C-alpha atoms as a PDB file:
ATOM      1  CA  MET A   1     -18.986 -30.787 -91.224  1.00  0.00           C
ATOM      2  CA  LEU A   2     -22.777 -30.543 -90.464  1.00  0.00           C
ATOM      3  CA  LEU A   3     -25.037 -30.209 -93.421  1.00  0.00           C
ATOM      4  CA  LEU A   4     -27.697 -28.461 -91.362  1.00  0.00           C
ATOM      5  CA  THR A   5     -25.419 -25.539 -90.435  1.00  0.00           C
ATOM      6  CA  SER A   6     -23.426 -25.210 -93.778  1.00  0.00           C
ATOM      7  CA  PHE A   7     -23.730 -22.445 -96.153  1.00  0.00           C
ATOM      8  CA  LEU A   8     -25.372 -24.331 -99.011  1.00  0.00           C
ATOM      9  CA  VAL A   9     -27.313 -22.326-101.715  1.00  0.00           C
ATOM     10  CA  ASP A  10     -27.359 -25.078-104.399  1.00  0.00           C
ATOM     11  CA  ILE A  11     -31.182 -26.129-105.143  1.00  0.00           C
ATOM     12  CA  LEU A  12     -32.979 -29.395-106.825  1.00  0.00           C
ATOM     13  CA  LEU A  13     -33.645 -28.235-110.544  1.00  0.00           C
ATOM     14  CA  PRO A  14     -37.456 -28.894-111.022  1.00  0.00           C
ATOM     15  CA  GLU A  15     -38.663 -30.788-113.970  1.00  0.00           C
ATOM     16  CA  ASP A  16     -41.327 -29.226-116.194  1.00  0.00           C
ATOM     17  CA  ASP A  17     -44.361 -30.300-114.770  1.00  0.00           C
ATOM     18  CA  ASN A  18     -47.467 -28.198-113.898  1.00  0.00           C
ATOM     19  CA  SER A  19     -48.577 -31.056-111.448  1.00  0.00           C
ATOM     20  CA  ILE A  20     -46.124 -29.739-108.797  1.00  0.00           C
ATOM     21  CA  SER A  21     -45.934 -26.291-109.318  1.00  0.00           C
ATOM     22  CA  PHE A  22     -45.908 -25.789-105.608  1.00  0.00           C
ATOM     23  CA  TYR A  23     -42.053 -26.451-105.524  1.00  0.00           C
ATOM     24  CA  ASP A  24     -41.791 -23.661-108.595  1.00  0.00           C
ATOM     25  CA  LYS A  25     -43.434 -21.132-106.461  1.00  0.00           C
ATOM     26  CA  PHE A  26     -41.427 -21.853-103.179  1.00  0.00           C
ATOM     27  CA  LEU A  27     -38.171 -21.624-105.234  1.00  0.00           C
ATOM     28  CA  ALA A  28     -39.346 -18.270-106.593  1.00  0.00           C
ATOM     29  CA  GLN A  29     -39.380 -16.949-103.376  1.00  0.00           C
ATOM     30  CA  TYR A  30     -36.384 -18.951-101.895  1.00  0.00           C
ATOM     31  CA  THR A  31     -33.875 -17.655-104.510  1.00  0.00           C
ATOM     32  CA  SER A  32     -35.217 -14.123-103.991  1.00  0.00           C
ATOM     33  CA  ILE A  33     -34.418 -14.337-100.325  1.00  0.00           C
ATOM     34  CA  THR A  34     -31.257 -16.343-100.887  1.00  0.00           C
ATOM     35  CA  VAL A  35     -29.490 -14.079-103.448  1.00  0.00           C
ATOM     36  CA  SER A  36     -30.631 -10.991-101.577  1.00  0.00           C
ATOM     37  CA  ALA A  37     -29.323 -11.855 -98.548  1.00  0.00           C
ATOM     38  CA  ILE A  38     -26.060 -12.913 -99.932  1.00  0.00           C
ATOM     39  CA  VAL A  39     -25.476  -9.674-101.838  1.00  0.00           C
ATOM     40  CA  SER A  40     -26.681  -7.339 -99.085  1.00  0.00           C
ATOM     41  CA  GLN A  41     -24.635  -9.360 -96.324  1.00  0.00           C
ATOM     42  CA  SER A  42     -21.453  -9.263 -98.588  1.00  0.00           C
ATOM     43  CA  LEU A  43     -21.419  -5.545 -98.799  1.00  0.00           C
ATOM     44  CA  PHE A  44     -20.293  -5.640 -95.114  1.00  0.00           C
ATOM     45  CA  TYR A  45     -17.582  -8.049 -95.399  1.00  0.00           C
ATOM     46  CA  SER A  46     -13.907  -6.678 -96.186  1.00  0.00           C
ATOM     47  CA  GLU A  47     -13.170  -9.404 -98.572  1.00  0.00           C
ATOM     48  CA  THR A  48     -15.691  -8.024-100.852  1.00  0.00           C
ATOM     49  CA  TYR A  49     -13.577  -4.888-101.148  1.00  0.00           C
ATOM     50  CA  ASN A  50     -10.216  -6.619-100.990  1.00  0.00           C
ATOM     51  CA  THR A  51      -9.516  -3.919 -98.150  1.00  0.00           C
ATOM     52  CA  LYS A  52      -8.530  -4.133 -94.316  1.00  0.00           C
ATOM     53  CA  LEU A  53     -11.366  -4.810 -91.787  1.00  0.00           C
ATOM     54  CA  GLU A  54     -10.657  -1.550 -89.577  1.00  0.00           C
ATOM     55  CA  ASP A  55     -11.128   0.401 -92.946  1.00  0.00           C
ATOM     56  CA  LEU A  56     -14.615  -1.076 -93.669  1.00  0.00           C
ATOM     57  CA  ASP A  57     -15.714  -0.603 -89.925  1.00  0.00           C
ATOM     58  CA  ARG A  58     -14.458   2.953 -90.052  1.00  0.00           C
ATOM     59  CA  ASP A  59     -16.427   3.930 -93.207  1.00  0.00           C
ATOM     60  CA  VAL A  60     -19.551   2.022 -91.740  1.00  0.00           C
ATOM     61  CA  ASP A  61     -19.221   3.993 -88.358  1.00  0.00           C
ATOM     62  CA  ASN A  62     -18.756   7.172 -90.618  1.00  0.00           C
ATOM     63  CA  ILE A  63     -22.205   6.530 -92.253  1.00  0.00           C
ATOM     64  CA  ILE A  64     -23.839   5.793 -89.017  1.00  0.00           C
ATOM     65  CA  ASN A  65     -22.437   8.852 -87.315  1.00  0.00           C
ATOM     66  CA  GLU A  66     -23.870  10.852 -90.068  1.00  0.00           C
ATOM     67  CA  ILE A  67     -27.301   9.783 -89.584  1.00  0.00           C
ATOM     68  CA  PRO A  68     -28.189  12.442 -86.987  1.00  0.00           C
ATOM     69  CA  ASP A  69     -27.031  15.491 -89.041  1.00  0.00           C
ATOM     70  CA  ALA A  70     -28.642  14.018 -92.286  1.00  0.00           C
ATOM     71  CA  SER A  71     -31.828  13.756 -90.276  1.00  0.00           C
ATOM     72  CA  LYS A  72     -31.627  17.217 -88.975  1.00  0.00           C
ATOM     73  CA  ARG A  73     -31.065  18.826 -92.408  1.00  0.00           C
ATOM     74  CA  LYS A  74     -34.279  16.948 -93.781  1.00  0.00           C
ATOM     75  CA  ARG A  75     -36.132  18.294 -90.941  1.00  0.00           C
ATOM     76  CA  GLU A  76     -35.053  21.698 -91.733  1.00  0.00           C
ATOM     77  CA  MET A  77     -35.950  21.299 -95.341  1.00  0.00           C
ATOM     78  CA  TYR A  78     -39.485  20.307 -94.601  1.00  0.00           C
ATOM     79  CA  LYS A  79     -40.270  23.687 -93.149  1.00  0.00           C
ATOM     80  CA  VAL A  80     -38.691  25.266 -96.491  1.00  0.00           C
ATOM     81  CA  LEU A  81     -40.437  23.068 -98.686  1.00  0.00           C
ATOM     82  CA  CYS A  82     -43.853  23.868 -96.832  1.00  0.00           C
ATOM     83  CA  PHE A  83     -43.330  27.587 -97.302  1.00  0.00           C
ATOM     84  CA  GLY A  84     -42.082  27.226-100.884  1.00  0.00           C
ATOM     85  CA  ALA A  85     -45.526  25.283-101.512  1.00  0.00           C
ATOM     86  CA  MET A  86     -47.335  28.176 -99.695  1.00  0.00           C
ATOM     87  CA  MET A  87     -48.333  25.861 -96.842  1.00  0.00           C
ATOM     88  CA  ASN A  88     -47.709  26.716 -93.344  1.00  0.00           C
ATOM     89  CA  PRO A  89     -46.183  23.713 -91.422  1.00  0.00           C
ATOM     90  CA  GLY A  90     -47.394  24.869 -88.175  1.00  0.00           C
ATOM     91  CA  ASP A  91     -45.548  23.625 -84.952  1.00  0.00           C
ATOM     92  CA  ILE A  92     -43.598  20.483 -85.106  1.00  0.00           C
ATOM     93  CA  VAL A  93     -44.637  18.566 -82.121  1.00  0.00           C
ATOM     94  CA  GLN A  94     -41.215  16.522 -82.349  1.00  0.00           C
ATOM     95  CA  GLU A  95     -39.000  19.664 -81.877  1.00  0.00           C
ATOM     96  CA  LYS A  96     -40.279  20.299 -78.454  1.00  0.00           C
ATOM     97  CA  GLU A  97     -39.527  16.741 -77.256  1.00  0.00           C
ATOM     98  CA  LYS A  98     -36.556  14.872 -75.872  1.00  0.00           C
ATOM     99  CA  ARG A  99     -35.750  12.877 -78.514  1.00  0.00           C
ATOM    100  CA  THR A 100     -32.864  10.579 -79.801  1.00  0.00           C
ATOM    101  CA  PHE A 101     -31.616   8.991 -83.097  1.00  0.00           C
ATOM    102  CA  VAL A 102     -32.048   5.449 -84.191  1.00  0.00           C
ATOM    103  CA  SER A 103     -28.371   5.535 -84.867  1.00  0.00           C
ATOM    104  CA  ASP A 104     -27.517   6.251 -81.102  1.00  0.00           C
ATOM    105  CA  LEU A 105     -29.464   3.279 -79.899  1.00  0.00           C
ATOM    106  CA  PHE A 106     -27.956   1.270 -82.580  1.00  0.00           C
ATOM    107  CA  ILE A 107     -24.357   2.036 -81.439  1.00  0.00           C
ATOM    108  CA  GLN A 108     -25.616   1.226 -77.702  1.00  0.00           C
ATOM    109  CA  ASP A 109     -26.864  -2.063 -78.513  1.00  0.00           C
ATOM    110  CA  ALA A 110     -23.437  -2.888 -80.511  1.00  0.00           C
ATOM    111  CA  LYS A 111     -21.493  -1.872 -77.567  1.00  0.00           C
ATOM    112  CA  LYS A 112     -23.532  -3.915 -75.254  1.00  0.00           C
ATOM    113  CA  TYR A 113     -22.987  -7.095 -77.498  1.00  0.00           C
ATOM    114  CA  ASN A 114     -19.283  -6.393 -77.533  1.00  0.00           C
ATOM    115  CA  ILE A 115     -19.410  -6.156 -81.452  1.00  0.00           C
ATOM    116  CA  SER A 116     -18.528  -3.587 -83.906  1.00  0.00           C
ATOM    117  CA  ASN A 117     -21.322  -1.385 -85.680  1.00  0.00           C
ATOM    118  CA  ARG A 118     -20.511  -3.435 -89.017  1.00  0.00           C
ATOM    119  CA  GLU A 119     -21.103  -6.996 -87.185  1.00  0.00           C
ATOM    120  CA  MET A 120     -24.317  -5.351 -85.540  1.00  0.00           C
ATOM    121  CA  ILE A 121     -25.508  -4.737 -89.348  1.00  0.00           C
ATOM    122  CA  ILE A 122     -24.660  -8.234 -90.350  1.00  0.00           C
ATOM    123  CA  LYS A 123     -26.714  -9.786 -87.411  1.00  0.00           C
ATOM    124  CA  SER A 124     -29.553  -7.596 -88.008  1.00  0.00           C
ATOM    125  CA  LEU A 125     -29.445  -8.775 -91.813  1.00  0.00           C
ATOM    126  CA  ASN A 126     -29.110 -12.374 -90.566  1.00  0.00           C
ATOM    127  CA  THR A 127     -32.390 -11.753 -88.356  1.00  0.00           C
ATOM    128  CA  SER A 128     -34.336 -10.611 -91.223  1.00  0.00           C
ATOM    129  CA  THR A 129     -33.358 -13.297 -93.522  1.00  0.00           C
ATOM    130  CA  PHE A 130     -34.131 -16.157 -90.739  1.00  0.00           C
ATOM    131  CA  LEU A 131     -37.744 -14.604 -90.473  1.00  0.00           C
ATOM    132  CA  ASN A 132     -38.070 -14.527 -94.231  1.00  0.00           C
ATOM    133  CA  TYR A 133     -37.115 -18.162 -94.385  1.00  0.00           C
ATOM    134  CA  PHE A 134     -39.192 -19.322 -91.567  1.00  0.00           C
ATOM    135  CA  PHE A 135     -42.442 -17.504 -93.116  1.00  0.00           C
ATOM    136  CA  LEU A 136     -41.826 -18.990 -96.276  1.00  0.00           C
ATOM    137  CA  LEU A 137     -41.808 -22.271 -95.400  1.00  0.00           C
ATOM    138  CA  GLU A 138     -44.589 -21.728 -93.079  1.00  0.00           C
ATOM    139  CA  ASP A 139     -46.996 -20.197 -95.764  1.00  0.00           C
ATOM    140  CA  SER A 140     -45.779 -22.946 -98.183  1.00  0.00           C
ATOM    141  CA  LEU A 141     -46.708 -25.757 -96.095  1.00  0.00           C
ATOM    142  CA  LYS A 142     -50.088 -24.031 -95.093  1.00  0.00           C
ATOM    143  CA  TYR A 143     -50.803 -23.516 -98.778  1.00  0.00           C
ATOM    144  CA  ILE A 144     -50.106 -27.200 -99.897  1.00  0.00           C
ATOM    145  CA  SER A 145     -52.055 -28.569 -96.721  1.00  0.00           C
ATOM    146  CA  SER A 146     -55.113 -26.101 -97.624  1.00  0.00           C
ATOM    147  CA  ASN A 147     -54.886 -25.131 -93.905  1.00  0.00           C
ATOM    148  CA  GLY A 148     -54.135 -21.309 -93.612  1.00  0.00           C
ATOM    149  CA  TYR A 149     -55.291 -21.198 -89.888  1.00  0.00           C
ATOM    150  CA  LEU A 150     -52.627 -22.979 -88.108  1.00  0.00           C
ATOM    151  CA  LYS A 151     -49.906 -21.532 -85.949  1.00  0.00           C
ATOM    152  CA  GLY A 152     -46.342 -21.308 -86.879  1.00  0.00           C
ATOM    153  CA  SER A 153     -45.774 -24.032 -84.285  1.00  0.00           C
ATOM    154  CA  GLU A 154     -47.963 -26.327 -86.010  1.00  0.00           C
ATOM    155  CA  VAL A 155     -46.792 -26.151 -89.591  1.00  0.00           C
ATOM    156  CA  ILE A 156     -44.637 -29.203 -89.226  1.00  0.00           C
ATOM    157  CA  SER A 157     -46.807 -31.308 -86.374  1.00  0.00           C
ATOM    158  CA  LYS A 158     -49.861 -30.627 -88.309  1.00  0.00           C
ATOM    159  CA  ALA A 159     -49.773 -29.211 -91.934  1.00  0.00           C
ATOM    160  CA  LEU A 160     -46.678 -31.124 -93.200  1.00  0.00           C
ATOM    161  CA  LYS A 161     -47.861 -34.513 -91.069  1.00  0.00           C
ATOM    162  CA  SER A 162     -51.245 -34.064 -92.559  1.00  0.00           C
ATOM    163  CA  ILE A 163     -49.853 -34.058 -96.238  1.00  0.00           C
ATOM    164  CA  LEU A 164     -47.552 -36.920 -95.620  1.00  0.00           C
ATOM    165  CA  GLU A 165     -50.122 -39.218 -93.849  1.00  0.00           C
ATOM    166  CA  THR A 166     -53.018 -38.359 -96.125  1.00  0.00           C
ATOM    167  CA  GLU A 167     -51.050 -39.061 -99.341  1.00  0.00           C
ATOM    168  CA  LYS A 168     -49.336 -41.936 -97.442  1.00  0.00           C
ATOM    169  CA  ILE A 169     -45.636 -40.986 -97.992  1.00  0.00           C
ATOM    170  CA  LEU A 170     -44.417 -40.441 -94.401  1.00  0.00           C
ATOM    171  CA  ASP A 171     -41.806 -43.311 -94.746  1.00  0.00           C
ATOM    172  CA  GLU A 172     -40.617 -42.191 -98.163  1.00  0.00           C
ATOM    173  CA  PHE A 173     -40.350 -38.458 -96.804  1.00  0.00           C
ATOM    174  CA  ASN A 174     -38.621 -39.669 -93.642  1.00  0.00           C
ATOM    175  CA  ALA A 175     -36.107 -41.594 -95.710  1.00  0.00           C
ATOM    176  CA  GLU A 176     -35.637 -38.839 -98.252  1.00  0.00           C
ATOM    177  CA  ILE A 177     -34.819 -35.899 -95.659  1.00  0.00           C
ATOM    178  CA  TYR A 178     -32.482 -38.236 -93.721  1.00  0.00           C
ATOM    179  CA  GLU A 179     -30.540 -38.681 -97.002  1.00  0.00           C
ATOM    180  CA  ARG A 180     -30.516 -35.181 -97.756  1.00  0.00           C
ATOM    181  CA  SER A 181     -29.753 -33.909 -94.198  1.00  0.00           C
ATOM    182  CA  LYS A 182     -28.038 -36.376 -92.784  1.00  0.00           C
ATOM    183  CA  PHE A 183     -29.308 -35.313 -89.537  1.00  0.00           C
ATOM    184  CA  PHE A 184     -33.321 -35.796 -89.347  1.00  0.00           C
ATOM    185  CA  ILE A 185     -33.413 -39.511 -88.361  1.00  0.00           C
ATOM    186  CA  ASN A 186     -37.293 -39.400 -88.230  1.00  0.00           C
ATOM    187  CA  PHE A 187     -40.223 -37.033 -88.133  1.00  0.00           C
ATOM    188  CA  ASP A 188     -39.801 -36.481 -84.368  1.00  0.00           C
ATOM    189  CA  SER A 189     -36.518 -34.996 -84.818  1.00  0.00           C
ATOM    190  CA  LEU A 190     -37.700 -32.714 -87.446  1.00  0.00           C
ATOM    191  CA  GLU A 191     -40.584 -31.411 -85.211  1.00  0.00           C
ATOM    192  CA  LYS A 192     -38.502 -30.840 -82.081  1.00  0.00           C
ATOM    193  CA  THR A 193     -35.905 -28.895 -84.071  1.00  0.00           C
ATOM    194  CA  TRP A 194     -38.720 -26.848 -85.727  1.00  0.00           C
ATOM    195  CA  SER A 195     -40.404 -26.301 -82.041  1.00  0.00           C
ATOM    196  CA  LEU A 196     -37.100 -24.867 -81.058  1.00  0.00           C
ATOM    197  CA  LEU A 197     -36.618 -22.550 -84.316  1.00  0.00           C
ATOM    198  CA  ASN A 198     -40.335 -21.382 -83.738  1.00  0.00           C
ATOM    199  CA  PHE A 199     -39.394 -20.716 -80.232  1.00  0.00           C
ATOM    200  CA  ILE A 200     -36.592 -18.369 -81.432  1.00  0.00           C
ATOM    201  CA  ARG A 201     -38.790 -16.898 -84.224  1.00  0.00           C
ATOM    202  CA  ASN A 202     -41.200 -15.936 -81.587  1.00  0.00           C
ATOM    203  CA  ARG A 203     -38.856 -14.309 -79.177  1.00  0.00           C
ATOM    204  CA  ILE A 204     -37.623 -12.057 -82.180  1.00  0.00           C
ATOM    205  CA  ILE A 205     -41.074 -11.145 -83.243  1.00  0.00           C
ATOM    206  CA  HIS A 206     -42.836 -10.654 -79.940  1.00  0.00           C
ATOM    207  CA  TYR A 207     -39.966  -9.745 -77.129  1.00  0.00           C
ATOM    208  CA  ASN A 208     -37.275  -8.271 -79.617  1.00  0.00           C
ATOM    209  CA  GLY A 209     -34.842 -11.241 -79.113  1.00  0.00           C
ATOM    210  CA  TYR A 210     -34.962 -10.705 -75.317  1.00  0.00           C
ATOM    211  CA  TYR A 211     -34.700 -13.975 -73.000  1.00  0.00           C
ATOM    212  CA  ASP A 212     -35.958 -13.598 -69.276  1.00  0.00           C
ATOM    213  CA  LYS A 213     -35.428 -16.561 -67.000  1.00  0.00           C
ATOM    214  CA  HIS A 214     -38.411 -18.301 -67.935  1.00  0.00           C
ATOM    215  CA  ALA A 215     -37.703 -18.132 -71.718  1.00  0.00           C
ATOM    216  CA  LYS A 216     -34.027 -19.294 -70.962  1.00  0.00           C
ATOM    217  CA  ASP A 217     -35.585 -22.565 -69.347  1.00  0.00           C
ATOM    218  CA  ILE A 218     -37.805 -23.068 -72.269  1.00  0.00           C
ATOM    219  CA  PHE A 219     -34.927 -22.686 -74.766  1.00  0.00           C
ATOM    220  CA  GLU A 220     -32.802 -25.286 -72.885  1.00  0.00           C
ATOM    221  CA  LYS A 221     -35.640 -27.696 -72.532  1.00  0.00           C
ATOM    222  CA  LYS A 222     -36.506 -27.657 -76.042  1.00  0.00           C
ATOM    223  CA  PHE A 223     -32.854 -27.912 -76.945  1.00  0.00           C
ATOM    224  CA  ASN A 224     -32.562 -30.807 -74.517  1.00  0.00           C
ATOM    225  CA  ASP A 225     -35.812 -32.520 -76.231  1.00  0.00           C
ATOM    226  CA  ILE A 226     -33.664 -32.747 -79.494  1.00  0.00           C
ATOM    227  CA  LEU A 227     -30.537 -34.244 -77.644  1.00  0.00           C
ATOM    228  CA  ASN A 228     -32.762 -36.667 -75.659  1.00  0.00           C
ATOM    229  CA  LEU A 229     -34.397 -38.029 -78.987  1.00  0.00           C
ATOM    230  CA  TYR A 230     -30.938 -39.024 -80.357  1.00  0.00           C
ATOM    231  CA  LEU A 231     -29.795 -40.522 -76.736  1.00  0.00           C
ATOM    232  CA  ASP A 232     -33.109 -42.575 -76.692  1.00  0.00           C
ATOM    233  CA  ILE A 233     -32.598 -44.313 -79.981  1.00  0.00           C
ATOM    234  CA  ASP A 234     -28.851 -44.613 -79.312  1.00  0.00           C
ATOM    235  CA  THR A 235     -27.685 -42.518 -82.370  1.00  0.00           C
ATOM    236  CA  MET A 236     -25.580 -39.991 -80.614  1.00  0.00           C
ATOM    237  CA  ASN A 237     -23.596 -39.469 -83.766  1.00  0.00           C
ATOM    238  CA  THR A 238     -21.114 -36.811 -85.272  1.00  0.00           C
ATOM    239  CA  SER A 239     -23.860 -34.862 -86.311  1.00  0.00           C
ATOM    240  CA  ILE A 240     -25.688 -34.108 -83.047  1.00  0.00           C
ATOM    241  CA  PHE A 241     -22.283 -33.457 -81.494  1.00  0.00           C
ATOM    242  CA  LEU A 242     -21.635 -30.728 -83.842  1.00  0.00           C
ATOM    243  CA  LEU A 243     -25.164 -29.323 -83.355  1.00  0.00           C
ATOM    244  CA  ILE A 244     -24.345 -29.190 -79.484  1.00  0.00           C
ATOM    245  CA  ASN A 245     -20.952 -27.295 -80.286  1.00  0.00           C
ATOM    246  CA  ASN A 246     -23.046 -24.731 -82.295  1.00  0.00           C
ATOM    247  CA  PHE A 247     -25.576 -24.086 -79.838  1.00  0.00           C
ATOM    248  CA  GLU A 248     -23.528 -24.001 -76.761  1.00  0.00           C
ATOM    249  CA  LYS A 249     -22.513 -20.408 -78.076  1.00  0.00           C
ATOM    250  CA  TYR A 250     -26.234 -19.553 -78.150  1.00  0.00           C
ATOM    251  CA  THR A 251     -26.776 -20.693 -74.737  1.00  0.00           C
ATOM    252  CA  ASN A 252     -23.733 -18.707 -73.188  1.00  0.00           C
ATOM    253  CA  GLN A 253     -25.058 -15.803 -75.404  1.00  0.00           C
ATOM    254  CA  ILE A 254     -28.513 -15.842 -73.748  1.00  0.00           C
ATOM    255  CA  ASN A 255     -27.338 -16.385 -70.512  1.00  0.00           C
ATOM    256  CA  GLU A 256     -24.496 -13.587 -70.699  1.00  0.00           C
ATOM    257  CA  PHE A 257     -26.798 -10.985 -72.627  1.00  0.00           C
ATOM    258  CA  ASP A 258     -30.332 -12.127 -72.088  1.00  0.00           C
ATOM    259  CA  TYR A 259     -30.451 -11.923 -76.056  1.00  0.00           C
ATOM    260  CA  LEU A 260     -29.944 -14.236 -78.899  1.00  0.00           C
ATOM    261  CA  ILE A 261     -28.241 -12.679 -82.022  1.00  0.00           C
ATOM    262  CA  ILE A 262     -29.052 -14.619 -85.061  1.00  0.00           C
ATOM    263  CA  ASP A 263     -25.682 -15.245 -86.883  1.00  0.00           C
ATOM    264  CA  ASP A 264     -24.900 -17.049 -90.238  1.00  0.00           C
ATOM    265  CA  THR A 265     -25.117 -20.460 -88.388  1.00  0.00           C
ATOM    266  CA  MET A 266     -28.832 -19.903 -87.532  1.00  0.00           C
ATOM    267  CA  GLU A 267     -29.542 -18.439 -90.762  1.00  0.00           C
ATOM    268  CA  ASN A 268     -28.016 -21.658 -92.411  1.00  0.00           C
ATOM    269  CA  ILE A 269     -30.201 -23.757 -90.060  1.00  0.00           C
ATOM    270  CA  ILE A 270     -33.720 -22.373 -91.123  1.00  0.00           C
ATOM    271  CA  ARG A 271     -32.498 -22.068 -94.927  1.00  0.00           C
ATOM    272  CA  ASN A 272     -31.518 -25.795 -94.974  1.00  0.00           C
ATOM    273  CA  ILE A 273     -34.268 -26.977 -93.051  1.00  0.00           C
ATOM    274  CA  SER A 274     -36.570 -25.154 -95.680  1.00  0.00           C
ATOM    275  CA  ILE A 275     -34.831 -26.572 -98.789  1.00  0.00           C
ATOM    276  CA  PHE A 276     -34.673 -30.138 -97.170  1.00  0.00           C
ATOM    277  CA  ILE A 277     -38.199 -30.342 -96.647  1.00  0.00           C
ATOM    278  CA  MET A 278     -39.472 -28.834 -99.861  1.00  0.00           C
ATOM    279  CA  GLU A 279     -36.821 -30.686-101.941  1.00  0.00           C
ATOM    280  CA  SER A 280     -38.119 -34.200-100.083  1.00  0.00           C
ATOM    281  CA  LEU A 281     -41.687 -33.246-100.787  1.00  0.00           C
ATOM    282  CA  TYR A 282     -40.703 -32.619-104.240  1.00  0.00           C
ATOM    283  CA  ILE A 283     -39.098 -36.034-104.796  1.00  0.00           C
ATOM    284  CA  CYS A 284     -42.034 -37.784-103.097  1.00  0.00           C
ATOM    285  CA  LYS A 285     -44.399 -36.467-105.320  1.00  0.00           C
ATOM    286  CA  LYS A 286     -42.145 -37.238-108.560  1.00  0.00           C
ATOM    287  CA  ALA A 287     -42.269 -40.866-107.334  1.00  0.00           C
ATOM    288  CA  LYS A 288     -45.965 -41.079-106.619  1.00  0.00           C
ATOM    289  CA  ASP A 289     -47.749 -38.194-108.100  1.00  0.00           C
ATOM    290  CA  VAL A 290     -49.640 -37.848-104.974  1.00  0.00           C
ATOM    291  CA  PHE A 291     -50.552 -33.960-104.885  1.00  0.00           C
ATOM    292  CA  PRO A 292     -53.777 -32.709-106.617  1.00  0.00           C
ATOM    293  CA  LYS A 293     -53.238 -30.924-109.916  1.00  0.00           C
ATOM    294  CA  CYS A 294     -54.115 -27.460-108.598  1.00  0.00           C
ATOM    295  CA  TYR A 295     -50.859 -27.226-106.841  1.00  0.00           C
END
């Protein structure tokens, strides 16, 4: 079992100390994201309702198939409500255009990935949660480092590194995050893992998750950078083998579909990294009291 990819949602309980309120602020948003994600995603698992999976798939399909008719009824009601309010709705440009419904495109995408509409919804929720965790950690580290002008790719290599070096807790942090993650053997391993996650984030935001040949090569290179780090220091342990197994499916998916679909494992990775980093910072602060009182 790899802690980095596991479904872990317990958190280190903060003590009543205003000098380290950055951790409390992080947890307030972290718990909101986590609980909302758990509840929303659980609505699409048959275990939640003690029902058959095919029945839940059918119910989800029915809801999606109803979207066009519901949209048409609302369009018709728009005119009725306008006339009722003594307003002339005028020409509705959209009615003269060749248009489709979001549900039609959604169903097409699900078929393209060879998954059900229900599974497609879960993956969409995974993606949204992945981005929420990413931006939360990014904003939190920028805030603590008092540098809000860094790019997402720099929040570990520059923002976090600056905090640790300025306060002289780099070694303590490295030891702490390794004890918590059983994966990040040094700061370089954290940097390289974040670099890959940042690239995945960029493909989602800027390219709707699409990977062309160049992007596939970059993905492979960034993942190999992680592997080579462990090979170079002769610590190719069970953890890295487990990570390889997890990422093989992502590589195969990208090569087959040209898209990376965020799943539970990828969501777990970004969530666990977030809490590993922030808990380690908190512990180092408690040990050395290094952060200014304004945080």
